[in-house]
Amino acid sequence: MPNSDERTRFSRFIEIAFYAALSLIYVWLMGGFKVQALFDAVYDDALFMKLAGHILNGAWLGPYDVLTLVKGPGYPLFIAAAYSLGMPIVTLQALLYAGACLTLCVAVRPALRAHWPLVALFAMLLFNPANGSPQRIVRDFVYASQSVFVLACAIGAFFRRDRSIGVLAGWLSGCGFFLGWMAITREDGIWILPPLIALAIVGVAMLAASRTRQWILRASLFVCVPAIIHVAMILGVSLVNLRAYGGFIETEFTAREFNDAYGALLRVAPEQDVQRVPLSRATRQRLYPLSPAFRELQPALEGPDAGWV
């Protein structure tokens, strides 16, 4: 009869086999989707492909034009990585998401005694229909994986706050890396900060209450490691942009100058509110005579080719 250690090892082997089998099935299913880049989508698919091509040619994001810095380089870097690895982008996206789901299951393992509920959780996350089918070259599919990775690493660090410093720092470094990559992929990632801050506050409070060995160091790591890595990645992109284009900015939409100008426009009270229109045509017409700088944009905003209207 097998002893308890042998049964445990066999159960762990079967569990790992389930994770591997489910991941392979998921990657195989995702590989069946037809993915295309819409080259008339100049702000999305076409832009990402163009920027990735410049990265592969060693020219960073290429010659500067009005679209070069409107979006972060996170997704073009991912496209370039897929090409360099000789891997279809949909396959790499599927592997990334499977890795994110697996990381989340590993992160919450200390909170669950039984392993098989984690396998069920992995399957539900992996085959969640809300993740959609990757039919275009857009950053949404990578963004979902980044979000899961960030939360998984933060949760993993929380449940391992009393483990070795190396283990804790590893989880926190993963959180900082994916938070930084997320920041240079999309500009609207502020929504993920509340759960991270809540986990950090509770983790630090529990460390302080427990008075475990090196609790001050561990509490400092909780706050500093993700923040430092996150900020370092944004600063790195900004420094490269400074060297390439003369501006220390991550994207033009996150630049202080753009936000100051846009904020000034939004502070103008409209004569009549138009639902979901922050700056109506009537308000723009009132502003053109008052602002020479804004008047320079009038041909682009009001011209015959203003299809955005």
Protein backbone atom coordinates (compact mmCIF):
# COMPACT_ATOMS: atom_id res chain seq x y z
CA MET A 1 0.00 0.00 0.00
CA PRO A 2 1.35 3.45 -0.84
CA ASN A 3 2.16 5.61 2.16
CA SER A 4 0.79 9.13 2.70
CA ASP A 5 3.81 10.83 1.08
CA GLU A 6 3.44 8.75 -2.07
CA ARG A 7 -0.28 9.52 -2.24
CA THR A 8 0.44 13.23 -1.80
CA ARG A 9 3.04 13.20 -4.59
CA PHE A 10 0.68 11.29 -6.88
CA SER A 11 -2.15 13.73 -6.14
CA ARG A 12 0.17 16.67 -6.85
CA PHE A 13 1.24 15.05 -10.13
CA ILE A 14 -2.40 14.61 -11.20
CA GLU A 15 -3.15 18.22 -10.24
CA ILE A 16 -0.25 19.53 -12.31
CA ALA A 17 -1.35 17.32 -15.21
CA PHE A 18 -4.82 18.90 -15.08
CA TYR A 19 -3.34 22.41 -15.14
CA ALA A 20 -1.15 21.51 -18.12
CA ALA A 21 -3.96 19.77 -20.00
CA LEU A 22 -6.41 22.63 -19.49
CA SER A 23 -3.78 25.16 -20.59
CA LEU A 24 -2.97 23.20 -23.74
CA ILE A 25 -6.68 22.89 -24.60
CA TYR A 26 -7.15 26.63 -24.09
CA VAL A 27 -4.14 27.58 -26.20
CA TRP A 28 -5.29 25.16 -28.92
CA LEU A 29 -8.80 26.64 -28.93
CA MET A 30 -7.52 30.22 -29.06
CA GLY A 31 -5.19 29.25 -31.91
CA GLY A 32 -8.24 28.40 -33.98
CA PHE A 33 -9.45 31.99 -34.09
CA LYS A 34 -8.70 34.01 -37.20
CA VAL A 35 -6.88 37.17 -36.20
CA GLN A 36 -6.51 40.12 -38.52
CA ALA A 37 -5.12 43.62 -38.35
CA LEU A 38 -7.44 46.29 -39.70
CA PHE A 39 -5.02 48.60 -41.46
CA ASP A 40 -7.69 51.27 -41.87
CA ALA A 41 -7.92 51.43 -38.05
CA VAL A 42 -5.10 53.96 -37.92
CA TYR A 43 -5.49 54.57 -34.17
CA ASP A 44 -5.50 50.89 -33.20
CA ASP A 45 -4.43 47.86 -35.24
CA ALA A 46 -2.47 49.76 -37.87
CA LEU A 47 -0.76 51.94 -35.27
CA PHE A 48 0.28 48.98 -33.11
CA MET A 49 1.65 47.08 -36.09
CA LYS A 50 3.56 50.13 -37.36
CA LEU A 51 5.11 50.84 -33.96
CA ALA A 52 6.05 47.16 -33.52
CA GLY A 53 7.75 47.21 -36.92
CA HIS A 54 9.85 50.21 -35.91
CA ILE A 55 10.82 48.47 -32.64
CA LEU A 56 11.93 45.36 -34.55
CA ASN A 57 14.03 47.57 -36.82
CA GLY A 58 15.79 49.08 -33.82
CA ALA A 59 14.25 52.52 -34.38
CA TRP A 60 12.19 52.64 -31.16
CA LEU A 61 8.75 53.97 -32.27
CA GLY A 62 9.95 55.36 -35.59
CA PRO A 63 9.82 58.88 -37.01
CA TYR A 64 7.69 61.27 -35.01
CA ASP A 65 4.23 62.16 -36.29
CA VAL A 66 0.87 62.99 -34.72
CA LEU A 67 0.24 59.34 -33.76
CA THR A 68 3.65 58.20 -32.54
CA LEU A 69 3.07 58.95 -28.85
CA VAL A 70 -0.71 58.81 -28.54
CA LYS A 71 -0.57 55.32 -27.00
CA GLY A 72 1.98 53.56 -24.83
CA PRO A 73 4.53 51.11 -26.27
CA GLY A 74 3.46 48.18 -24.07
CA TYR A 75 1.45 46.34 -26.73
CA PRO A 76 3.80 47.07 -29.66
CA LEU A 77 6.61 45.62 -27.54
CA PHE A 78 4.48 42.49 -27.04
CA ILE A 79 3.86 42.20 -30.80
CA ALA A 80 7.59 42.59 -31.43
CA ALA A 81 8.32 39.88 -28.86
CA ALA A 82 5.88 37.47 -30.55
CA TYR A 83 7.56 38.07 -33.91
CA SER A 84 11.03 37.62 -32.42
CA LEU A 85 9.96 34.33 -30.84
CA GLY A 86 8.50 33.14 -34.15
CA MET A 87 5.13 32.63 -32.41
CA PRO A 88 1.65 33.63 -33.60
CA ILE A 89 0.47 36.56 -31.53
CA VAL A 90 -2.78 34.81 -30.59
CA THR A 91 -0.77 31.89 -29.18
CA LEU A 92 1.44 34.15 -27.09
CA GLN A 93 -1.63 36.02 -25.84
CA ALA A 94 -3.25 32.73 -24.85
CA LEU A 95 -0.12 31.58 -23.05
CA LEU A 96 0.06 34.90 -21.22
CA TYR A 97 -3.54 34.63 -20.04
CA ALA A 98 -3.12 31.00 -19.00
CA GLY A 99 -0.04 32.03 -17.02
CA ALA A 100 -2.00 34.81 -15.33
CA CYS A 101 -4.79 32.43 -14.30
CA LEU A 102 -2.28 29.88 -13.02
CA THR A 103 -0.44 32.58 -11.04
CA LEU A 104 -3.70 33.62 -9.38
CA CYS A 105 -4.42 30.02 -8.36
CA VAL A 106 -0.91 29.64 -6.92
CA ALA A 107 -1.33 32.98 -5.14
CA VAL A 108 -4.44 31.90 -3.23
CA ARG A 109 -3.18 28.38 -2.48
CA PRO A 110 -2.19 29.19 1.15
CA ALA A 111 -5.81 30.17 1.85
CA LEU A 112 -7.19 26.81 0.66
CA ARG A 113 -6.34 23.44 2.13
CA ALA A 114 -7.85 21.43 -0.73
CA HIS A 115 -6.16 21.62 -4.12
CA TRP A 116 -9.00 20.57 -6.41
CA PRO A 117 -11.10 23.71 -5.86
CA LEU A 118 -8.10 25.58 -7.27
CA VAL A 119 -8.21 23.44 -10.40
CA ALA A 120 -11.91 24.27 -10.75
CA LEU A 121 -11.12 27.98 -10.26
CA PHE A 122 -8.39 27.76 -12.89
CA ALA A 123 -10.79 26.17 -15.39
CA MET A 124 -13.48 28.83 -14.77
CA LEU A 125 -11.00 31.68 -15.19
CA LEU A 126 -9.38 30.15 -18.23
CA PHE A 127 -12.57 29.48 -20.17
CA ASN A 128 -14.34 32.62 -19.03
CA PRO A 129 -16.30 33.79 -22.12
CA ALA A 130 -15.96 37.41 -21.03
CA ASN A 131 -12.34 37.27 -22.12
CA GLY A 132 -13.65 37.15 -25.67
CA SER A 133 -12.10 35.87 -28.86
CA PRO A 134 -8.94 37.62 -30.11
CA GLN A 135 -10.03 38.59 -33.63
CA ARG A 136 -8.03 41.81 -33.97
CA ILE A 137 -4.58 43.14 -33.13
CA VAL A 138 -5.63 45.31 -30.20
CA ARG A 139 -4.27 45.62 -26.68
CA ASP A 140 -7.42 44.54 -24.82
CA PHE A 141 -6.47 40.86 -24.65
CA VAL A 142 -3.04 41.55 -23.18
CA TYR A 143 -4.52 44.14 -20.81
CA ALA A 144 -6.82 41.53 -19.28
CA SER A 145 -3.85 39.25 -18.58
CA GLN A 146 -1.83 42.10 -17.10
CA SER A 147 -4.69 42.96 -14.73
CA VAL A 148 -4.96 39.36 -13.49
CA PHE A 149 -1.19 39.17 -13.03
CA VAL A 150 -1.09 42.37 -10.97
CA LEU A 151 -3.87 41.25 -8.63
CA ALA A 152 -2.49 37.70 -8.43
CA CYS A 153 0.99 38.87 -7.44
CA ALA A 154 -0.43 41.29 -4.86
CA ILE A 155 -2.60 38.54 -3.36
CA GLY A 156 0.34 36.12 -3.44
CA ALA A 157 2.49 38.61 -1.51
CA PHE A 158 -0.32 39.19 1.01
CA PHE A 159 -0.67 35.49 1.82
CA ARG A 160 3.13 35.09 2.02
CA ARG A 161 3.87 38.17 4.10
CA ASP A 162 5.51 36.01 6.80
CA ARG A 163 7.55 33.86 4.42
CA SER A 164 11.21 34.49 3.57
CA ILE A 165 12.19 37.96 2.37
CA GLY A 166 13.16 36.51 -1.01
CA VAL A 167 9.74 34.91 -1.56
CA LEU A 168 7.91 38.07 -0.51
CA ALA A 169 10.11 40.30 -2.67
CA GLY A 170 9.60 37.99 -5.65
CA TRP A 171 5.82 38.29 -5.53
CA LEU A 172 6.00 42.05 -4.98
CA SER A 173 8.45 42.42 -7.88
CA GLY A 174 6.03 40.57 -10.13
CA CYS A 175 3.26 42.93 -9.04
CA GLY A 176 5.44 45.96 -9.82
CA PHE A 177 6.52 44.62 -13.21
CA PHE A 178 3.03 43.86 -14.46
CA LEU A 179 1.70 47.10 -12.99
CA GLY A 180 4.41 48.98 -14.90
CA TRP A 181 3.75 47.06 -18.12
CA MET A 182 0.04 47.72 -17.66
CA ALA A 183 0.74 51.45 -17.27
CA ILE A 184 2.68 51.67 -20.54
CA THR A 185 0.00 49.64 -22.35
CA ARG A 186 -3.11 51.65 -21.49
CA GLU A 187 -3.58 55.02 -19.87
CA ASP A 188 -6.65 54.16 -17.75
CA GLY A 189 -5.14 51.74 -15.23
CA ILE A 190 -5.89 53.85 -12.15
CA TRP A 191 -8.88 51.61 -11.42
CA ILE A 192 -6.56 48.85 -10.17
CA LEU A 193 -4.99 50.99 -7.43
CA PRO A 194 -7.82 50.74 -4.80
CA PRO A 195 -7.55 46.92 -4.35
CA LEU A 196 -3.74 47.15 -4.31
CA ILE A 197 -3.79 49.91 -1.71
CA ALA A 198 -6.32 47.96 0.39
CA LEU A 199 -4.15 44.82 0.30
CA ALA A 200 -1.07 46.84 1.23
CA ILE A 201 -2.80 48.56 4.16
CA VAL A 202 -4.21 45.31 5.56
CA GLY A 203 -0.91 43.49 5.01
CA VAL A 204 1.13 46.18 6.75
CA ALA A 205 -1.38 46.34 9.61
CA MET A 206 -1.26 42.56 10.12
CA LEU A 207 2.54 42.59 10.05
CA ALA A 208 2.61 45.39 12.63
CA ALA A 209 0.13 43.55 14.85
CA SER A 210 2.03 40.27 14.66
CA ARG A 211 5.40 41.84 15.49
CA THR A 212 7.10 39.08 13.54
CA ARG A 213 10.81 39.18 12.87
CA GLN A 214 11.79 41.93 10.41
CA TRP A 215 8.19 43.13 10.22
CA ILE A 216 9.27 46.71 9.50
CA LEU A 217 11.38 45.54 6.55
CA ARG A 218 8.51 43.42 5.26
CA ALA A 219 6.06 46.29 5.61
CA SER A 220 8.45 48.57 3.72
CA LEU A 221 8.75 46.01 0.93
CA PHE A 222 4.95 45.90 0.60
CA VAL A 223 4.85 49.60 -0.15
CA CYS A 224 8.15 50.26 -1.90
CA VAL A 225 8.92 47.34 -4.23
CA PRO A 226 5.84 47.52 -6.52
CA ALA A 227 5.89 51.32 -6.54
CA ILE A 228 9.60 51.56 -7.40
CA ILE A 229 9.41 49.03 -10.26
CA HIS A 230 6.20 50.58 -11.60
CA VAL A 231 7.64 54.10 -11.60
CA ALA A 232 10.99 52.89 -12.99
CA MET A 233 9.29 51.37 -16.04
CA ILE A 234 7.35 54.56 -16.75
CA LEU A 235 10.48 56.66 -16.28
CA GLY A 236 12.40 54.32 -18.57
CA VAL A 237 9.89 54.80 -21.39
CA SER A 238 9.86 58.55 -20.77
CA LEU A 239 13.67 58.70 -20.94
CA VAL A 240 13.71 56.80 -24.24
CA ASN A 241 11.07 59.17 -25.60
CA LEU A 242 13.15 62.13 -24.40
CA ARG A 243 16.14 60.86 -26.31
CA ALA A 244 14.16 59.97 -29.43
CA TYR A 245 11.68 62.85 -29.59
CA GLY A 246 12.84 65.52 -27.16
CA GLY A 247 9.98 65.13 -24.71
CA PHE A 248 10.14 63.48 -21.28
CA ILE A 249 6.68 61.93 -21.54
CA GLU A 250 5.14 58.48 -21.47
CA THR A 251 2.39 59.36 -23.97
CA GLU A 252 1.04 62.68 -25.16
CA PHE A 253 -2.30 61.97 -23.49
CA THR A 254 -0.59 61.66 -20.10
CA ALA A 255 1.61 64.72 -20.66
CA ARG A 256 0.99 67.64 -18.32
CA GLU A 257 0.64 70.10 -21.21
CA PHE A 258 -2.18 68.11 -22.81
CA ASN A 259 -4.07 67.68 -19.56
CA ASP A 260 -3.68 71.35 -18.68
CA ALA A 261 -5.05 72.39 -22.08
CA TYR A 262 -7.90 69.88 -22.00
CA GLY A 263 -8.77 70.84 -18.44
CA ALA A 264 -8.93 74.52 -19.43
CA LEU A 265 -11.35 73.68 -22.24
CA LEU A 266 -13.59 71.66 -19.93
CA ARG A 267 -13.78 74.50 -17.44
CA VAL A 268 -15.68 76.62 -19.98
CA ALA A 269 -19.36 76.49 -19.02
CA PRO A 270 -21.50 75.55 -22.06
CA GLU A 271 -24.56 77.61 -22.89
CA GLN A 272 -26.47 74.36 -23.31
CA ASP A 273 -25.42 70.93 -22.02
CA VAL A 274 -25.12 68.18 -24.61
CA GLN A 275 -25.14 64.70 -23.11
CA ARG A 276 -21.77 62.87 -23.41
CA VAL A 277 -20.23 65.81 -25.31
CA PRO A 278 -17.61 67.50 -23.10
CA LEU A 279 -16.84 70.28 -25.60
CA SER A 280 -19.70 71.01 -27.97
CA ARG A 281 -19.46 72.72 -31.35
CA ALA A 282 -21.15 75.84 -29.94
CA THR A 283 -18.59 76.08 -27.14
CA ARG A 284 -15.70 75.59 -29.56
CA GLN A 285 -17.01 78.40 -31.77
CA ARG A 286 -17.09 80.70 -28.73
CA LEU A 287 -13.48 79.85 -27.89
CA TYR A 288 -11.81 80.25 -31.30
CA PRO A 289 -11.86 84.10 -31.25
CA LEU A 290 -10.56 84.12 -27.65
CA SER A 291 -7.59 81.75 -27.97
CA PRO A 292 -5.07 82.00 -30.82
CA ALA A 293 -3.57 78.64 -29.81
CA PHE A 294 -6.94 76.87 -29.88
CA ARG A 295 -7.81 78.61 -33.16
CA GLU A 296 -4.88 76.79 -34.78
CA LEU A 297 -6.84 73.54 -34.26
CA GLN A 298 -9.98 74.85 -35.96
CA PRO A 299 -9.23 73.44 -39.44
CA ALA A 300 -8.66 69.97 -37.99
CA LEU A 301 -11.67 70.07 -35.66
CA GLU A 302 -14.20 71.72 -37.96
CA GLY A 303 -12.94 70.87 -41.46
CA PRO A 304 -14.77 68.67 -44.00
CA ASP A 305 -12.64 65.66 -43.06
CA ALA A 306 -13.66 65.73 -39.38
CA GLY A 307 -15.22 62.28 -39.51
CA TRP A 308 -15.05 62.01 -35.71
CA VAL A 309 -18.07 64.37 -35.45
